[in-house]
C-alpha atoms as a PDB file:
ATOM      1  CA  MET A   1      -2.589  -6.673-121.294  1.00  0.00           C
ATOM      2  CA  ARG A   2      -2.264 -10.135-120.679  1.00  0.00           C
ATOM      3  CA  ALA A   3      -4.071 -11.997-118.006  1.00  0.00           C
ATOM      4  CA  THR A   4      -3.904 -14.970-116.107  1.00  0.00           C
ATOM      5  CA  VAL A   5      -6.755 -16.414-114.457  1.00  0.00           C
ATOM      6  CA  LEU A   6      -6.467 -19.727-112.127  1.00  0.00           C
ATOM      7  CA  VAL A   7      -9.545 -21.977-111.502  1.00  0.00           C
ATOM      8  CA  LEU A   8      -8.988 -24.091-108.828  1.00  0.00           C
ATOM      9  CA  PRO A   9     -12.342 -25.842-107.535  1.00  0.00           C
ATOM     10  CA  LYS A  10     -13.795 -24.526-104.278  1.00  0.00           C
ATOM     11  CA  THR A  11     -12.592 -26.417-101.213  1.00  0.00           C
ATOM     12  CA  GLY A  12     -15.040 -29.217-100.062  1.00  0.00           C
ATOM     13  CA  ILE A  13     -15.892 -29.846-103.380  1.00  0.00           C
ATOM     14  CA  LEU A  14     -15.559 -33.329-104.951  1.00  0.00           C
ATOM     15  CA  ASP A  15     -11.978 -33.018-106.960  1.00  0.00           C
ATOM     16  CA  PRO A  16     -11.758 -36.863-108.482  1.00  0.00           C
ATOM     17  CA  GLN A  17      -8.692 -35.242-110.383  1.00  0.00           C
ATOM     18  CA  GLY A  18      -6.965 -34.267-107.785  1.00  0.00           C
ATOM     19  CA  SER A  19      -7.884 -36.896-105.678  1.00  0.00           C
ATOM     20  CA  ALA A  20      -6.027 -39.746-108.223  1.00  0.00           C
ATOM     21  CA  VAL A  21      -3.172 -36.935-108.769  1.00  0.00           C
ATOM     22  CA  GLU A  22      -2.650 -37.385-105.235  1.00  0.00           C
ATOM     23  CA  GLU A  23      -2.590 -41.012-104.710  1.00  0.00           C
ATOM     24  CA  SER A  24      -0.720 -41.439-107.612  1.00  0.00           C
ATOM     25  CA  LEU A  25       2.184 -39.591-105.966  1.00  0.00           C
ATOM     26  CA  ARG A  26       2.283 -41.090-102.722  1.00  0.00           C
ATOM     27  CA  GLN A  27       2.117 -44.337-104.505  1.00  0.00           C
ATOM     28  CA  LEU A  28       5.376 -42.863-106.401  1.00  0.00           C
ATOM     29  CA  GLY A  29       6.899 -41.967-102.470  1.00  0.00           C
ATOM     30  CA  PHE A  30       6.098 -38.586-102.545  1.00  0.00           C
ATOM     31  CA  PRO A  31       5.041 -37.277 -99.661  1.00  0.00           C
ATOM     32  CA  VAL A  32       1.879 -34.682-100.329  1.00  0.00           C
ATOM     33  CA  GLY A  33      -1.219 -33.842 -98.627  1.00  0.00           C
ATOM     34  CA  GLU A  34      -3.838 -32.539-100.624  1.00  0.00           C
ATOM     35  CA  ALA A  35      -3.511 -32.300-104.533  1.00  0.00           C
ATOM     36  CA  ARG A  36      -6.414 -30.114-106.052  1.00  0.00           C
ATOM     37  CA  VAL A  37      -6.499 -29.875-110.223  1.00  0.00           C
ATOM     38  CA  GLY A  38      -7.764 -26.568-111.749  1.00  0.00           C
ATOM     39  CA  ARG A  39      -6.888 -25.021-114.902  1.00  0.00           C
ATOM     40  CA  VAL A  40      -4.801 -22.080-116.187  1.00  0.00           C
ATOM     41  CA  ILE A  41      -6.130 -19.679-118.610  1.00  0.00           C
ATOM     42  CA  ASP A  42      -4.192 -16.775-120.184  1.00  0.00           C
ATOM     43  CA  LEU A  43      -5.813 -14.119-122.053  1.00  0.00           C
ATOM     44  CA  ASP A  44      -4.398 -11.172-124.491  1.00  0.00           C
ATOM     45  CA  VAL A  45      -6.894  -8.324-123.275  1.00  0.00           C
ATOM     46  CA  ASP A  46      -7.548  -5.176-125.118  1.00  0.00           C
ATOM     47  CA  ALA A  47      -7.478  -2.664-122.874  1.00  0.00           C
ATOM     48  CA  GLY A  48      -6.184   0.806-121.511  1.00  0.00           C
ATOM     49  CA  SER A  49      -5.137   0.055-117.952  1.00  0.00           C
ATOM     50  CA  ALA A  50      -4.332  -3.179-115.523  1.00  0.00           C
ATOM     51  CA  ASP A  51      -7.568  -2.183-113.548  1.00  0.00           C
ATOM     52  CA  GLU A  52      -9.282  -1.618-117.039  1.00  0.00           C
ATOM     53  CA  ALA A  53      -8.054  -5.552-117.992  1.00  0.00           C
ATOM     54  CA  ARG A  54      -8.965  -6.698-114.539  1.00  0.00           C
ATOM     55  CA  SER A  55     -12.176  -5.853-114.255  1.00  0.00           C
ATOM     56  CA  ALA A  56     -13.327  -7.332-117.701  1.00  0.00           C
ATOM     57  CA  VAL A  57     -11.934 -10.272-116.839  1.00  0.00           C
ATOM     58  CA  GLU A  58     -13.131 -10.601-113.677  1.00  0.00           C
ATOM     59  CA  ARG A  59     -16.852 -10.458-115.872  1.00  0.00           C
ATOM     60  CA  MET A  60     -15.820 -13.144-118.197  1.00  0.00           C
ATOM     61  CA  CYS A  61     -14.721 -15.632-115.239  1.00  0.00           C
ATOM     62  CA  GLU A  62     -18.155 -15.089-113.987  1.00  0.00           C
ATOM     63  CA  GLN A  63     -19.873 -15.072-116.944  1.00  0.00           C
ATOM     64  CA  LEU A  64     -17.710 -18.196-118.591  1.00  0.00           C
ATOM     65  CA  LEU A  65     -14.810 -19.223-117.307  1.00  0.00           C
ATOM     66  CA  ALA A  66     -15.762 -20.066-113.859  1.00  0.00           C
ATOM     67  CA  ASN A  67     -18.436 -21.718-112.008  1.00  0.00           C
ATOM     68  CA  PRO A  68     -18.953 -19.559-109.041  1.00  0.00           C
ATOM     69  CA  LEU A  69     -20.924 -22.657-106.952  1.00  0.00           C
ATOM     70  CA  ILE A  70     -18.037 -25.028-107.222  1.00  0.00           C
ATOM     71  CA  GLU A  71     -14.663 -23.091-108.326  1.00  0.00           C
ATOM     72  CA  SER A  72     -12.972 -19.950-107.358  1.00  0.00           C
ATOM     73  CA  TYR A  73     -10.516 -18.200-109.255  1.00  0.00           C
ATOM     74  CA  GLU A  74      -7.652 -15.770-108.856  1.00  0.00           C
ATOM     75  CA  ILE A  75      -6.461 -13.005-111.746  1.00  0.00           C
ATOM     76  CA  ALA A  76      -3.115 -11.622-112.638  1.00  0.00           C
ATOM     77  CA  VAL A  77      -2.674  -8.795-115.085  1.00  0.00           C
ATOM     78  CA  GLU A  78       0.482  -7.757-116.124  1.00  0.00           C
ATOM     79  CA  ASP A  79       1.073  -4.868-118.874  1.00  0.00           C
ATOM     80  CA  ALA A  80       2.226  -6.762-122.043  1.00  0.00           C
ATOM     81  CA  SER A  81       4.175  -3.361-123.113  1.00  0.00           C
END
């Protein structure tokens, strides 16, 4: 199974990279609102079903991939076959 995790700073948490991107885009003339900078993690998960893969990736996020105090995450799972 192929899993993609999107990790972003939680709303209200200081995001200096997002602020820098936001300000730079405005200086270039782009009418943007808030910019948030996060990371994308692509994984190949050895699982029998999408539910098993999602459960495994959820545990990965809780234990390593995201800091639940300051970050939120979204998981997308697709069958690689």
